[in-house]
Amino acid sequence: MENQGHRVLIDTGWSEACVDHPLSHLRFGLWFASEPVLKREEAIPYQLQKLSLKPSDIDAIVLTHLDCDHVSGLRPLKEAKHIYCSKEEWQHAQTRDVRYRKAFWEGVHIETVSMKKDTSSPFG
């Protein structure tokens, strides 16, 4: 998405590794629970290439949550200017919850932001 000259990506989706090696990329538990369906050209690096963009051209990546289908493609995009995740989700992802695989964000600088109550939203 481009807004007022800023390029923002919401989540990163499946890694390209899911095309050829989904089991080794996800490990058995995540693979069994969330078997990925992805064509190579659908992976974010290919989508950026079609737009003549590099990861460093992305102003911000907003991670809605850290489940595998939202972040397994993150590491190749670590050169984005900012990568955001809610503080609450980040803290929970540091636990031993089976939903997360820390290898997806190892070596990536993630900035956390605190969630705030929004009285105008349906669930606050």
PDB file of N, CA and C in Angstrom:
ATOM      1  N   MET A   1       0.857  -1.159   0.000  1.00  0.00           N
ATOM      2  CA  MET A   1       0.000   0.000   0.000  1.00  0.00           C
ATOM      3  C   MET A   1       0.903   1.221   0.000  1.00  0.00           C
ATOM      4  N   GLU A   2       0.525   2.215  -0.768  1.00  0.00           N
ATOM      5  CA  GLU A   2       1.256   3.480  -0.756  1.00  0.00           C
ATOM      6  C   GLU A   2       0.282   4.567  -0.342  1.00  0.00           C
ATOM      7  N   ASN A   3       0.691   5.372   0.643  1.00  0.00           N
ATOM      8  CA  ASN A   3      -0.177   6.417   1.168  1.00  0.00           C
ATOM      9  C   ASN A   3       0.667   7.659   1.405  1.00  0.00           C
ATOM     10  N   GLN A   4       0.311   8.740   0.760  1.00  0.00           N
ATOM     11  CA  GLN A   4       1.007  10.018   0.893  1.00  0.00           C
ATOM     12  C   GLN A   4       2.521   9.864   0.712  1.00  0.00           C
ATOM     13  N   GLY A   5       2.895   9.063  -0.266  1.00  0.00           N
ATOM     14  CA  GLY A   5       4.306   8.878  -0.580  1.00  0.00           C
ATOM     15  C   GLY A   5       5.036   7.885   0.303  1.00  0.00           C
ATOM     16  N   HIS A   6       4.330   7.240   1.216  1.00  0.00           N
ATOM     17  CA  HIS A   6       4.939   6.240   2.104  1.00  0.00           C
ATOM     18  C   HIS A   6       4.491   4.853   1.687  1.00  0.00           C
ATOM     19  N   ARG A   7       5.438   3.941   1.652  1.00  0.00           N
ATOM     20  CA  ARG A   7       5.129   2.548   1.304  1.00  0.00           C
ATOM     21  C   ARG A   7       4.998   1.740   2.587  1.00  0.00           C
ATOM     22  N   VAL A   8       3.833   1.142   2.771  1.00  0.00           N
ATOM     23  CA  VAL A   8       3.534   0.384   3.986  1.00  0.00           C
ATOM     24  C   VAL A   8       3.081  -1.011   3.576  1.00  0.00           C
ATOM     25  N   LEU A   9       3.640  -2.004   4.243  1.00  0.00           N
ATOM     26  CA  LEU A   9       3.260  -3.399   4.002  1.00  0.00           C
ATOM     27  C   LEU A   9       2.615  -3.935   5.275  1.00  0.00           C
ATOM     28  N   ILE A  10       1.455  -4.530   5.132  1.00  0.00           N
ATOM     29  CA  ILE A  10       0.766  -5.140   6.270  1.00  0.00           C
ATOM     30  C   ILE A  10       1.063  -6.634   6.214  1.00  0.00           C
ATOM     31  N   ASP A  11       1.820  -7.119   7.182  1.00  0.00           N
ATOM     32  CA  ASP A  11       2.255  -8.509   7.264  1.00  0.00           C
ATOM     33  C   ASP A  11       3.130  -8.887   6.060  1.00  0.00           C
ATOM     34  N   THR A  12       3.742 -10.057   6.127  1.00  0.00           N
ATOM     35  CA  THR A  12       4.640 -10.483   5.052  1.00  0.00           C
ATOM     36  C   THR A  12       4.201 -11.783   4.399  1.00  0.00           C
ATOM     37  N   GLY A  13       3.237 -12.454   4.990  1.00  0.00           N
ATOM     38  CA  GLY A  13       2.763 -13.706   4.406  1.00  0.00           C
ATOM     39  C   GLY A  13       3.785 -14.824   4.510  1.00  0.00           C
ATOM     40  N   TRP A  14       3.561 -15.849   3.715  1.00  0.00           N
ATOM     41  CA  TRP A  14       4.430 -17.024   3.707  1.00  0.00           C
ATOM     42  C   TRP A  14       5.775 -16.703   3.069  1.00  0.00           C
ATOM     43  N   SER A  15       6.804 -17.332   3.574  1.00  0.00           N
ATOM     44  CA  SER A  15       8.132 -17.242   2.982  1.00  0.00           C
ATOM     45  C   SER A  15       8.178 -18.022   1.682  1.00  0.00           C
ATOM     46  N   GLU A  16       9.040 -17.585   0.799  1.00  0.00           N
ATOM     47  CA  GLU A  16       9.272 -18.320  -0.441  1.00  0.00           C
ATOM     48  C   GLU A  16       9.733 -19.749  -0.148  1.00  0.00           C
ATOM     49  N   ALA A  17      10.373 -19.961   1.005  1.00  0.00           N
ATOM     50  CA  ALA A  17      10.832 -21.294   1.398  1.00  0.00           C
ATOM     51  C   ALA A  17       9.670 -22.283   1.485  1.00  0.00           C
ATOM     52  N   CYS A  18       8.461 -21.790   1.660  1.00  0.00           N
ATOM     53  CA  CYS A  18       7.289 -22.662   1.749  1.00  0.00           C
ATOM     54  C   CYS A  18       6.944 -23.318   0.419  1.00  0.00           C
ATOM     55  N   VAL A  19       7.479 -22.799  -0.674  1.00  0.00           N
ATOM     56  CA  VAL A  19       7.198 -23.386  -1.984  1.00  0.00           C
ATOM     57  C   VAL A  19       7.901 -24.733  -2.104  1.00  0.00           C
ATOM     58  N   ASP A  20       9.202 -24.783  -1.787  1.00  0.00           N
ATOM     59  CA  ASP A  20       9.989 -26.000  -1.982  1.00  0.00           C
ATOM     60  C   ASP A  20      10.214 -26.817  -0.713  1.00  0.00           C
ATOM     61  N   HIS A  21      10.274 -26.149   0.433  1.00  0.00           N
ATOM     62  CA  HIS A  21      10.634 -26.826   1.682  1.00  0.00           C
ATOM     63  C   HIS A  21       9.740 -26.401   2.849  1.00  0.00           C
ATOM     64  N   PRO A  22       8.436 -26.540   2.725  1.00  0.00           N
ATOM     65  CA  PRO A  22       7.561 -26.049   3.795  1.00  0.00           C
ATOM     66  C   PRO A  22       7.782 -26.732   5.138  1.00  0.00           C
ATOM     67  N   LEU A  23       8.024 -28.019   5.133  1.00  0.00           N
ATOM     68  CA  LEU A  23       8.202 -28.744   6.390  1.00  0.00           C
ATOM     69  C   LEU A  23       9.453 -28.285   7.121  1.00  0.00           C
ATOM     70  N   SER A  24      10.562 -28.136   6.424  1.00  0.00           N
ATOM     71  CA  SER A  24      11.789 -27.702   7.105  1.00  0.00           C
ATOM     72  C   SER A  24      11.708 -26.235   7.505  1.00  0.00           C
ATOM     73  N   HIS A  25      10.993 -25.414   6.753  1.00  0.00           N
ATOM     74  CA  HIS A  25      10.864 -23.999   7.105  1.00  0.00           C
ATOM     75  C   HIS A  25       9.966 -23.810   8.324  1.00  0.00           C
ATOM     76  N   LEU A  26       8.847 -24.495   8.348  1.00  0.00           N
ATOM     77  CA  LEU A  26       7.862 -24.305   9.410  1.00  0.00           C
ATOM     78  C   LEU A  26       8.082 -25.215  10.612  1.00  0.00           C
ATOM     79  N   ARG A  27       8.738 -26.335  10.404  1.00  0.00           N
ATOM     80  CA  ARG A  27       8.837 -27.427  11.371  1.00  0.00           C
ATOM     81  C   ARG A  27       7.477 -28.121  11.433  1.00  0.00           C
ATOM     82  N   PHE A  28       7.478 -29.323  11.973  1.00  0.00           N
ATOM     83  CA  PHE A  28       6.304 -30.172  11.858  1.00  0.00           C
ATOM     84  C   PHE A  28       5.026 -29.564  12.445  1.00  0.00           C
ATOM     85  N   GLY A  29       5.088 -29.039  13.669  1.00  0.00           N
ATOM     86  CA  GLY A  29       3.873 -28.541  14.323  1.00  0.00           C
ATOM     87  C   GLY A  29       3.168 -27.460  13.528  1.00  0.00           C
ATOM     88  N   LEU A  30       3.916 -26.449  13.090  1.00  0.00           N
ATOM     89  CA  LEU A  30       3.308 -25.364  12.315  1.00  0.00           C
ATOM     90  C   LEU A  30       2.888 -25.839  10.932  1.00  0.00           C
ATOM     91  N   TRP A  31       3.690 -26.696  10.331  1.00  0.00           N
ATOM     92  CA  TRP A  31       3.347 -27.218   9.010  1.00  0.00           C
ATOM     93  C   TRP A  31       2.046 -28.019   9.080  1.00  0.00           C
ATOM     94  N   PHE A  32       1.923 -28.854  10.103  1.00  0.00           N
ATOM     95  CA  PHE A  32       0.741 -29.692  10.259  1.00  0.00           C
ATOM     96  C   PHE A  32      -0.505 -28.842  10.495  1.00  0.00           C
ATOM     97  N   ALA A  33      -0.366 -27.784  11.283  1.00  0.00           N
ATOM     98  CA  ALA A  33      -1.509 -26.936  11.621  1.00  0.00           C
ATOM     99  C   ALA A  33      -1.859 -25.938  10.516  1.00  0.00           C
ATOM    100  N   SER A  34      -0.865 -25.551   9.721  1.00  0.00           N
ATOM    101  CA  SER A  34      -1.080 -24.466   8.760  1.00  0.00           C
ATOM    102  C   SER A  34      -0.379 -24.742   7.441  1.00  0.00           C
ATOM    103  N   GLU A  35      -0.631 -25.866   6.837  1.00  0.00           N
ATOM    104  CA  GLU A  35       0.082 -26.208   5.613  1.00  0.00           C
ATOM    105  C   GLU A  35      -0.075 -25.083   4.585  1.00  0.00           C
ATOM    106  N   PRO A  36       1.040 -24.469   4.179  1.00  0.00           N
ATOM    107  CA  PRO A  36       0.958 -23.311   3.288  1.00  0.00           C
ATOM    108  C   PRO A  36       0.661 -23.685   1.842  1.00  0.00           C
ATOM    109  N   VAL A  37      -0.036 -22.801   1.176  1.00  0.00           N
ATOM    110  CA  VAL A  37      -0.268 -22.912  -0.259  1.00  0.00           C
ATOM    111  C   VAL A  37       0.266 -21.608  -0.849  1.00  0.00           C
ATOM    112  N   LEU A  38       1.329 -21.723  -1.639  1.00  0.00           N
ATOM    113  CA  LEU A  38       1.982 -20.532  -2.156  1.00  0.00           C
ATOM    114  C   LEU A  38       2.676 -20.848  -3.470  1.00  0.00           C
ATOM    115  N   LYS A  39       2.479 -20.006  -4.436  1.00  0.00           N
ATOM    116  CA  LYS A  39       3.248 -20.083  -5.674  1.00  0.00           C
ATOM    117  C   LYS A  39       4.436 -19.142  -5.507  1.00  0.00           C
ATOM    118  N   ARG A  40       5.572 -19.497  -6.062  1.00  0.00           N
ATOM    119  CA  ARG A  40       6.795 -18.701  -5.893  1.00  0.00           C
ATOM    120  C   ARG A  40       6.563 -17.225  -6.226  1.00  0.00           C
ATOM    121  N   GLU A  41       5.851 -16.953  -7.299  1.00  0.00           N
ATOM    122  CA  GLU A  41       5.653 -15.568  -7.717  1.00  0.00           C
ATOM    123  C   GLU A  41       4.736 -14.780  -6.790  1.00  0.00           C
ATOM    124  N   GLU A  42       4.092 -15.466  -5.836  1.00  0.00           N
ATOM    125  CA  GLU A  42       3.238 -14.779  -4.871  1.00  0.00           C
ATOM    126  C   GLU A  42       4.019 -14.295  -3.653  1.00  0.00           C
ATOM    127  N   ALA A  43       5.229 -14.784  -3.454  1.00  0.00           N
ATOM    128  CA  ALA A  43       6.036 -14.380  -2.305  1.00  0.00           C
ATOM    129  C   ALA A  43       6.406 -12.902  -2.423  1.00  0.00           C
ATOM    130  N   ILE A  44       6.524 -12.239  -1.290  1.00  0.00           N
ATOM    131  CA  ILE A  44       6.777 -10.797  -1.266  1.00  0.00           C
ATOM    132  C   ILE A  44       8.014 -10.380  -2.066  1.00  0.00           C
ATOM    133  N   PRO A  45       9.152 -11.078  -1.991  1.00  0.00           N
ATOM    134  CA  PRO A  45      10.299 -10.625  -2.795  1.00  0.00           C
ATOM    135  C   PRO A  45       9.974 -10.520  -4.288  1.00  0.00           C
ATOM    136  N   TYR A  46       9.188 -11.435  -4.809  1.00  0.00           N
ATOM    137  CA  TYR A  46       8.794 -11.385  -6.219  1.00  0.00           C
ATOM    138  C   TYR A  46       7.807 -10.256  -6.481  1.00  0.00           C
ATOM    139  N   GLN A  47       6.911 -10.034  -5.532  1.00  0.00           N
ATOM    140  CA  GLN A  47       5.961  -8.931  -5.677  1.00  0.00           C
ATOM    141  C   GLN A  47       6.694  -7.590  -5.694  1.00  0.00           C
ATOM    142  N   LEU A  48       7.704  -7.440  -4.828  1.00  0.00           N
ATOM    143  CA  LEU A  48       8.489  -6.209  -4.819  1.00  0.00           C
ATOM    144  C   LEU A  48       9.260  -6.049  -6.129  1.00  0.00           C
ATOM    145  N   GLN A  49       9.829  -7.141  -6.603  1.00  0.00           N
ATOM    146  CA  GLN A  49      10.595  -7.105  -7.844  1.00  0.00           C
ATOM    147  C   GLN A  49       9.722  -6.630  -9.016  1.00  0.00           C
ATOM    148  N   LYS A  50       8.473  -7.103  -9.059  1.00  0.00           N
ATOM    149  CA  LYS A  50       7.556  -6.681 -10.128  1.00  0.00           C
ATOM    150  C   LYS A  50       7.303  -5.170 -10.078  1.00  0.00           C
ATOM    151  N   LEU A  51       7.410  -4.600  -8.871  1.00  0.00           N
ATOM    152  CA  LEU A  51       7.199  -3.158  -8.700  1.00  0.00           C
ATOM    153  C   LEU A  51       8.513  -2.374  -8.749  1.00  0.00           C
ATOM    154  N   SER A  52       9.615  -3.071  -9.051  1.00  0.00           N
ATOM    155  CA  SER A  52      10.956  -2.467  -9.071  1.00  0.00           C
ATOM    156  C   SER A  52      11.321  -1.852  -7.717  1.00  0.00           C
ATOM    157  N   LEU A  53      10.961  -2.549  -6.640  1.00  0.00           N
ATOM    158  CA  LEU A  53      11.251  -2.090  -5.284  1.00  0.00           C
ATOM    159  C   LEU A  53      12.185  -3.059  -4.580  1.00  0.00           C
ATOM    160  N   LYS A  54      12.960  -2.520  -3.652  1.00  0.00           N
ATOM    161  CA  LYS A  54      13.800  -3.321  -2.765  1.00  0.00           C
ATOM    162  C   LYS A  54      13.195  -3.256  -1.369  1.00  0.00           C
ATOM    163  N   PRO A  55      13.538  -4.189  -0.478  1.00  0.00           N
ATOM    164  CA  PRO A  55      13.027  -4.107   0.888  1.00  0.00           C
ATOM    165  C   PRO A  55      13.316  -2.759   1.553  1.00  0.00           C
ATOM    166  N   SER A  56      14.460  -2.162   1.266  1.00  0.00           N
ATOM    167  CA  SER A  56      14.800  -0.870   1.872  1.00  0.00           C
ATOM    168  C   SER A  56      13.906   0.267   1.372  1.00  0.00           C
ATOM    169  N   ASP A  57      13.122   0.033   0.323  1.00  0.00           N
ATOM    170  CA  ASP A  57      12.176   1.033  -0.169  1.00  0.00           C
ATOM    171  C   ASP A  57      10.878   1.047   0.629  1.00  0.00           C
ATOM    172  N   ILE A  58      10.681   0.045   1.470  1.00  0.00           N
ATOM    173  CA  ILE A  58       9.468  -0.033   2.297  1.00  0.00           C
ATOM    174  C   ILE A  58       9.676   0.844   3.526  1.00  0.00           C
ATOM    175  N   ASP A  59       8.763   1.788   3.738  1.00  0.00           N
ATOM    176  CA  ASP A  59       8.873   2.682   4.890  1.00  0.00           C
ATOM    177  C   ASP A  59       8.478   1.992   6.189  1.00  0.00           C
ATOM    178  N   ALA A  60       7.493   1.127   6.136  1.00  0.00           N
ATOM    179  CA  ALA A  60       7.054   0.449   7.355  1.00  0.00           C
ATOM    180  C   ALA A  60       6.385  -0.876   7.020  1.00  0.00           C
ATOM    181  N   ILE A  61       6.663  -1.857   7.860  1.00  0.00           N
ATOM    182  CA  ILE A  61       5.930  -3.120   7.833  1.00  0.00           C
ATOM    183  C   ILE A  61       5.174  -3.179   9.152  1.00  0.00           C
ATOM    184  N   VAL A  62       3.885  -3.392   9.080  1.00  0.00           N
ATOM    185  CA  VAL A  62       3.056  -3.507  10.273  1.00  0.00           C
ATOM    186  C   VAL A  62       2.666  -4.971  10.403  1.00  0.00           C
ATOM    187  N   LEU A  63       3.115  -5.587  11.488  1.00  0.00           N
ATOM    188  CA  LEU A  63       2.804  -6.998  11.738  1.00  0.00           C
ATOM    189  C   LEU A  63       1.567  -7.056  12.624  1.00  0.00           C
ATOM    190  N   THR A  64       0.478  -7.554  12.078  1.00  0.00           N
ATOM    191  CA  THR A  64      -0.764  -7.607  12.857  1.00  0.00           C
ATOM    192  C   THR A  64      -0.648  -8.593  14.012  1.00  0.00           C
ATOM    193  N   HIS A  65       0.041  -9.700  13.754  1.00  0.00           N
ATOM    194  CA  HIS A  65       0.383 -10.667  14.790  1.00  0.00           C
ATOM    195  C   HIS A  65       1.475 -11.562  14.218  1.00  0.00           C
ATOM    196  N   LEU A  66       2.045 -12.410  15.038  1.00  0.00           N
ATOM    197  CA  LEU A  66       3.255 -13.130  14.661  1.00  0.00           C
ATOM    198  C   LEU A  66       3.042 -14.598  14.314  1.00  0.00           C
ATOM    199  N   ASP A  67       1.830 -14.954  13.905  1.00  0.00           N
ATOM    200  CA  ASP A  67       1.580 -16.318  13.444  1.00  0.00           C
ATOM    201  C   ASP A  67       2.328 -16.548  12.122  1.00  0.00           C
ATOM    202  N   CYS A  68       2.626 -17.812  11.854  1.00  0.00           N
ATOM    203  CA  CYS A  68       3.481 -18.159  10.710  1.00  0.00           C
ATOM    204  C   CYS A  68       2.959 -17.652   9.371  1.00  0.00           C
ATOM    205  N   ASP A  69       1.653 -17.668   9.166  1.00  0.00           N
ATOM    206  CA  ASP A  69       1.131 -17.230   7.874  1.00  0.00           C
ATOM    207  C   ASP A  69       1.184 -15.713   7.701  1.00  0.00           C
ATOM    208  N   HIS A  70       1.592 -15.008   8.733  1.00  0.00           N
ATOM    209  CA  HIS A  70       1.715 -13.551   8.666  1.00  0.00           C
ATOM    210  C   HIS A  70       3.165 -13.083   8.679  1.00  0.00           C
ATOM    211  N   VAL A  71       4.099 -13.918   9.186  1.00  0.00           N
ATOM    212  CA  VAL A  71       5.491 -13.445   9.324  1.00  0.00           C
ATOM    213  C   VAL A  71       6.566 -14.387   8.817  1.00  0.00           C
ATOM    214  N   SER A  72       6.223 -15.512   8.245  1.00  0.00           N
ATOM    215  CA  SER A  72       7.310 -16.410   7.842  1.00  0.00           C
ATOM    216  C   SER A  72       8.149 -15.801   6.723  1.00  0.00           C
ATOM    217  N   GLY A  73       7.625 -14.803   6.025  1.00  0.00           N
ATOM    218  CA  GLY A  73       8.374 -14.117   4.976  1.00  0.00           C
ATOM    219  C   GLY A  73       9.079 -12.845   5.433  1.00  0.00           C
ATOM    220  N   LEU A  74       9.240 -12.656   6.735  1.00  0.00           N
ATOM    221  CA  LEU A  74       9.789 -11.402   7.258  1.00  0.00           C
ATOM    222  C   LEU A  74      11.285 -11.210   7.045  1.00  0.00           C
ATOM    223  N   ARG A  75      12.097 -12.201   7.305  1.00  0.00           N
ATOM    224  CA  ARG A  75      13.556 -12.018   7.315  1.00  0.00           C
ATOM    225  C   ARG A  75      14.124 -11.414   6.028  1.00  0.00           C
ATOM    226  N   PRO A  76      13.678 -11.799   4.843  1.00  0.00           N
ATOM    227  CA  PRO A  76      14.228 -11.157   3.643  1.00  0.00           C
ATOM    228  C   PRO A  76      13.874  -9.663   3.530  1.00  0.00           C
ATOM    229  N   LEU A  77      12.946  -9.202   4.372  1.00  0.00           N
ATOM    230  CA  LEU A  77      12.503  -7.809   4.328  1.00  0.00           C
ATOM    231  C   LEU A  77      13.069  -6.978   5.476  1.00  0.00           C
ATOM    232  N   LYS A  78      14.058  -7.510   6.177  1.00  0.00           N
ATOM    233  CA  LYS A  78      14.556  -6.846   7.386  1.00  0.00           C
ATOM    234  C   LYS A  78      15.177  -5.478   7.121  1.00  0.00           C
ATOM    235  N   GLU A  79      15.433  -5.136   5.860  1.00  0.00           N
ATOM    236  CA  GLU A  79      15.999  -3.826   5.528  1.00  0.00           C
ATOM    237  C   GLU A  79      14.927  -2.740   5.382  1.00  0.00           C
ATOM    238  N   ALA A  80      13.673  -3.083   5.625  1.00  0.00           N
ATOM    239  CA  ALA A  80      12.625  -2.057   5.622  1.00  0.00           C
ATOM    240  C   ALA A  80      12.973  -1.017   6.688  1.00  0.00           C
ATOM    241  N   LYS A  81      12.556   0.213   6.466  1.00  0.00           N
ATOM    242  CA  LYS A  81      12.933   1.294   7.382  1.00  0.00           C
ATOM    243  C   LYS A  81      12.415   1.068   8.800  1.00  0.00           C
ATOM    244  N   HIS A  82      11.197   0.586   8.939  1.00  0.00           N
ATOM    245  CA  HIS A  82      10.604   0.312  10.256  1.00  0.00           C
ATOM    246  C   HIS A  82       9.766  -0.953  10.161  1.00  0.00           C
ATOM    247  N   ILE A  83       9.823  -1.750  11.218  1.00  0.00           N
ATOM    248  CA  ILE A  83       8.987  -2.944  11.322  1.00  0.00           C
ATOM    249  C   ILE A  83       8.312  -2.876  12.687  1.00  0.00           C
ATOM    250  N   TYR A  84       6.996  -2.837  12.680  1.00  0.00           N
ATOM    251  CA  TYR A  84       6.229  -2.631  13.906  1.00  0.00           C
ATOM    252  C   TYR A  84       5.403  -3.858  14.277  1.00  0.00           C
ATOM    253  N   CYS A  85       5.288  -4.044  15.574  1.00  0.00           N
ATOM    254  CA  CYS A  85       4.428  -5.086  16.147  1.00  0.00           C
ATOM    255  C   CYS A  85       3.903  -4.537  17.468  1.00  0.00           C
ATOM    256  N   SER A  86       2.715  -4.930  17.853  1.00  0.00           N
ATOM    257  CA  SER A  86       2.214  -4.450  19.148  1.00  0.00           C
ATOM    258  C   SER A  86       3.083  -5.029  20.265  1.00  0.00           C
ATOM    259  N   LYS A  87       3.278  -4.241  21.285  1.00  0.00           N
ATOM    260  CA  LYS A  87       4.069  -4.660  22.441  1.00  0.00           C
ATOM    261  C   LYS A  87       3.470  -5.915  23.067  1.00  0.00           C
ATOM    262  N   GLU A  88       2.153  -5.954  23.125  1.00  0.00           N
ATOM    263  CA  GLU A  88       1.461  -7.081  23.735  1.00  0.00           C
ATOM    264  C   GLU A  88       1.703  -8.373  22.952  1.00  0.00           C
ATOM    265  N   GLU A  89       1.624  -8.297  21.637  1.00  0.00           N
ATOM    266  CA  GLU A  89       1.868  -9.491  20.808  1.00  0.00           C
ATOM    267  C   GLU A  89       3.333  -9.916  20.912  1.00  0.00           C
ATOM    268  N   TRP A  90       4.244  -8.946  20.883  1.00  0.00           N
ATOM    269  CA  TRP A  90       5.672  -9.243  20.977  1.00  0.00           C
ATOM    270  C   TRP A  90       5.987  -9.958  22.296  1.00  0.00           C
ATOM    271  N   GLN A  91       5.439  -9.450  23.388  1.00  0.00           N
ATOM    272  CA  GLN A  91       5.677 -10.083  24.696  1.00  0.00           C
ATOM    273  C   GLN A  91       5.134 -11.504  24.718  1.00  0.00           C
ATOM    274  N   HIS A  92       3.956 -11.710  24.165  1.00  0.00           N
ATOM    275  CA  HIS A  92       3.383 -13.061  24.154  1.00  0.00           C
ATOM    276  C   HIS A  92       4.213 -13.994  23.272  1.00  0.00           C
ATOM    277  N   ALA A  93       4.756 -13.465  22.193  1.00  0.00           N
ATOM    278  CA  ALA A  93       5.546 -14.299  21.270  1.00  0.00           C
ATOM    279  C   ALA A  93       6.861 -14.754  21.894  1.00  0.00           C
ATOM    280  N   GLN A  94       7.260 -14.161  22.993  1.00  0.00           N
ATOM    281  CA  GLN A  94       8.494 -14.568  23.667  1.00  0.00           C
ATOM    282  C   GLN A  94       8.261 -15.776  24.572  1.00  0.00           C
ATOM    283  N   THR A  95       7.009 -16.184  24.713  1.00  0.00           N
ATOM    284  CA  THR A  95       6.690 -17.368  25.517  1.00  0.00           C
ATOM    285  C   THR A  95       6.888 -18.618  24.661  1.00  0.00           C
ATOM    286  N   ARG A  96       6.627 -19.751  25.205  1.00  0.00           N
ATOM    287  CA  ARG A  96       6.802 -21.015  24.475  1.00  0.00           C
ATOM    288  C   ARG A  96       5.528 -21.433  23.754  1.00  0.00           C
ATOM    289  N   ASP A  97       4.748 -20.493  23.322  1.00  0.00           N
ATOM    290  CA  ASP A  97       3.502 -20.777  22.616  1.00  0.00           C
ATOM    291  C   ASP A  97       3.812 -21.455  21.279  1.00  0.00           C
ATOM    292  N   VAL A  98       3.134 -22.536  20.998  1.00  0.00           N
ATOM    293  CA  VAL A  98       3.364 -23.323  19.783  1.00  0.00           C
ATOM    294  C   VAL A  98       3.032 -22.542  18.514  1.00  0.00           C
ATOM    295  N   ARG A  99       2.284 -21.447  18.638  1.00  0.00           N
ATOM    296  CA  ARG A  99       1.897 -20.657  17.459  1.00  0.00           C
ATOM    297  C   ARG A  99       3.077 -19.939  16.822  1.00  0.00           C
ATOM    298  N   TYR A 100       4.155 -19.765  17.556  1.00  0.00           N
ATOM    299  CA  TYR A 100       5.243 -18.915  17.086  1.00  0.00           C
ATOM    300  C   TYR A 100       6.508 -19.700  16.778  1.00  0.00           C
ATOM    301  N   ARG A 101       7.269 -19.213  15.821  1.00  0.00           N
ATOM    302  CA  ARG A 101       8.601 -19.743  15.537  1.00  0.00           C
ATOM    303  C   ARG A 101       9.547 -18.548  15.467  1.00  0.00           C
ATOM    304  N   LYS A 102      10.333 -18.379  16.514  1.00  0.00           N
ATOM    305  CA  LYS A 102      11.200 -17.201  16.644  1.00  0.00           C
ATOM    306  C   LYS A 102      12.193 -17.067  15.498  1.00  0.00           C
ATOM    307  N   ALA A 103      12.515 -18.144  14.819  1.00  0.00           N
ATOM    308  CA  ALA A 103      13.444 -18.077  13.685  1.00  0.00           C
ATOM    309  C   ALA A 103      12.925 -17.141  12.597  1.00  0.00           C
ATOM    310  N   PHE A 104      11.622 -16.922  12.546  1.00  0.00           N
ATOM    311  CA  PHE A 104      11.062 -16.051  11.511  1.00  0.00           C
ATOM    312  C   PHE A 104      11.466 -14.592  11.699  1.00  0.00           C
ATOM    313  N   TRP A 105      11.786 -14.206  12.936  1.00  0.00           N
ATOM    314  CA  TRP A 105      12.151 -12.809  13.175  1.00  0.00           C
ATOM    315  C   TRP A 105      13.536 -12.637  13.791  1.00  0.00           C
ATOM    316  N   GLU A 106      14.312 -13.711  13.895  1.00  0.00           N
ATOM    317  CA  GLU A 106      15.686 -13.594  14.396  1.00  0.00           C
ATOM    318  C   GLU A 106      16.495 -12.662  13.506  1.00  0.00           C
ATOM    319  N   GLY A 107      17.229 -11.746  14.132  1.00  0.00           N
ATOM    320  CA  GLY A 107      18.066 -10.814  13.387  1.00  0.00           C
ATOM    321  C   GLY A 107      17.309  -9.658  12.757  1.00  0.00           C
ATOM    322  N   VAL A 108      16.042  -9.537  13.066  1.00  0.00           N
ATOM    323  CA  VAL A 108      15.210  -8.463  12.510  1.00  0.00           C
ATOM    324  C   VAL A 108      14.900  -7.478  13.642  1.00  0.00           C
ATOM    325  N   HIS A 109      15.119  -6.200  13.379  1.00  0.00           N
ATOM    326  CA  HIS A 109      14.808  -5.179  14.387  1.00  0.00           C
ATOM    327  C   HIS A 109      13.320  -4.857  14.317  1.00  0.00           C
ATOM    328  N   ILE A 110      12.603  -5.239  15.362  1.00  0.00           N
ATOM    329  CA  ILE A 110      11.163  -4.992  15.426  1.00  0.00           C
ATOM    330  C   ILE A 110      10.904  -3.951  16.504  1.00  0.00           C
ATOM    331  N   GLU A 111      10.197  -2.904  16.121  1.00  0.00           N
ATOM    332  CA  GLU A 111       9.821  -1.847  17.054  1.00  0.00           C
ATOM    333  C   GLU A 111       8.435  -2.165  17.601  1.00  0.00           C
ATOM    334  N   THR A 112       8.293  -2.081  18.914  1.00  0.00           N
ATOM    335  CA  THR A 112       6.990  -2.382  19.496  1.00  0.00           C
ATOM    336  C   THR A 112       6.237  -1.087  19.795  1.00  0.00           C
ATOM    337  N   VAL A 113       4.933  -1.164  19.654  1.00  0.00           N
ATOM    338  CA  VAL A 113       4.045  -0.052  19.976  1.00  0.00           C
ATOM    339  C   VAL A 113       2.963  -0.584  20.899  1.00  0.00           C
ATOM    340  N   SER A 114       2.613   0.218  21.880  1.00  0.00           N
ATOM    341  CA  SER A 114       1.572  -0.195  22.826  1.00  0.00           C
ATOM    342  C   SER A 114       0.199   0.044  22.223  1.00  0.00           C
ATOM    343  N   MET A 115      -0.680  -0.904  22.450  1.00  0.00           N
ATOM    344  CA  MET A 115      -2.064  -0.765  21.997  1.00  0.00           C
ATOM    345  C   MET A 115      -2.769   0.218  22.941  1.00  0.00           C
ATOM    346  N   LYS A 116      -3.657   0.991  22.385  1.00  0.00           N
ATOM    347  CA  LYS A 116      -4.416   1.955  23.185  1.00  0.00           C
ATOM    348  C   LYS A 116      -5.898   1.706  22.977  1.00  0.00           C
ATOM    349  N   LYS A 117      -6.651   1.967  24.008  1.00  0.00           N
ATOM    350  CA  LYS A 117      -8.093   1.793  23.915  1.00  0.00           C
ATOM    351  C   LYS A 117      -8.656   2.782  22.901  1.00  0.00           C
ATOM    352  N   ASP A 118      -9.526   2.294  22.048  1.00  0.00           N
ATOM    353  CA  ASP A 118     -10.159   3.120  21.032  1.00  0.00           C
ATOM    354  C   ASP A 118     -11.666   3.015  21.224  1.00  0.00           C
ATOM    355  N   THR A 119     -12.246   4.026  21.789  1.00  0.00           N
ATOM    356  CA  THR A 119     -13.682   3.974  22.095  1.00  0.00           C
ATOM    357  C   THR A 119     -14.553   4.002  20.855  1.00  0.00           C
ATOM    358  N   SER A 120     -13.985   4.366  19.706  1.00  0.00           N
ATOM    359  CA  SER A 120     -14.799   4.399  18.480  1.00  0.00           C
ATOM    360  C   SER A 120     -14.766   3.064  17.725  1.00  0.00           C
ATOM    361  N   SER A 121     -13.920   2.130  18.160  1.00  0.00           N
ATOM    362  CA  SER A 121     -13.878   0.837  17.476  1.00  0.00           C
ATOM    363  C   SER A 121     -14.880  -0.120  18.099  1.00  0.00           C
ATOM    364  N   PRO A 122     -15.291  -1.132  17.344  1.00  0.00           N
ATOM    365  CA  PRO A 122     -16.330  -2.044  17.846  1.00  0.00           C
ATOM    366  C   PRO A 122     -15.974  -2.755  19.151  1.00  0.00           C
ATOM    367  N   PHE A 123     -14.679  -3.108  19.344  1.00  0.00           N
ATOM    368  CA  PHE A 123     -14.310  -3.859  20.531  1.00  0.00           C
ATOM    369  C   PHE A 123     -13.361  -3.098  21.446  1.00  0.00           C
ATOM    370  N   GLY A 124     -13.177  -1.808  21.209  1.00  0.00           N
ATOM    371  CA  GLY A 124     -12.334  -0.978  22.068  1.00  0.00           C
ATOM    372  C   GLY A 124     -10.873  -1.194  21.806  1.00  0.00           C
TER     373      GLY A 124
END
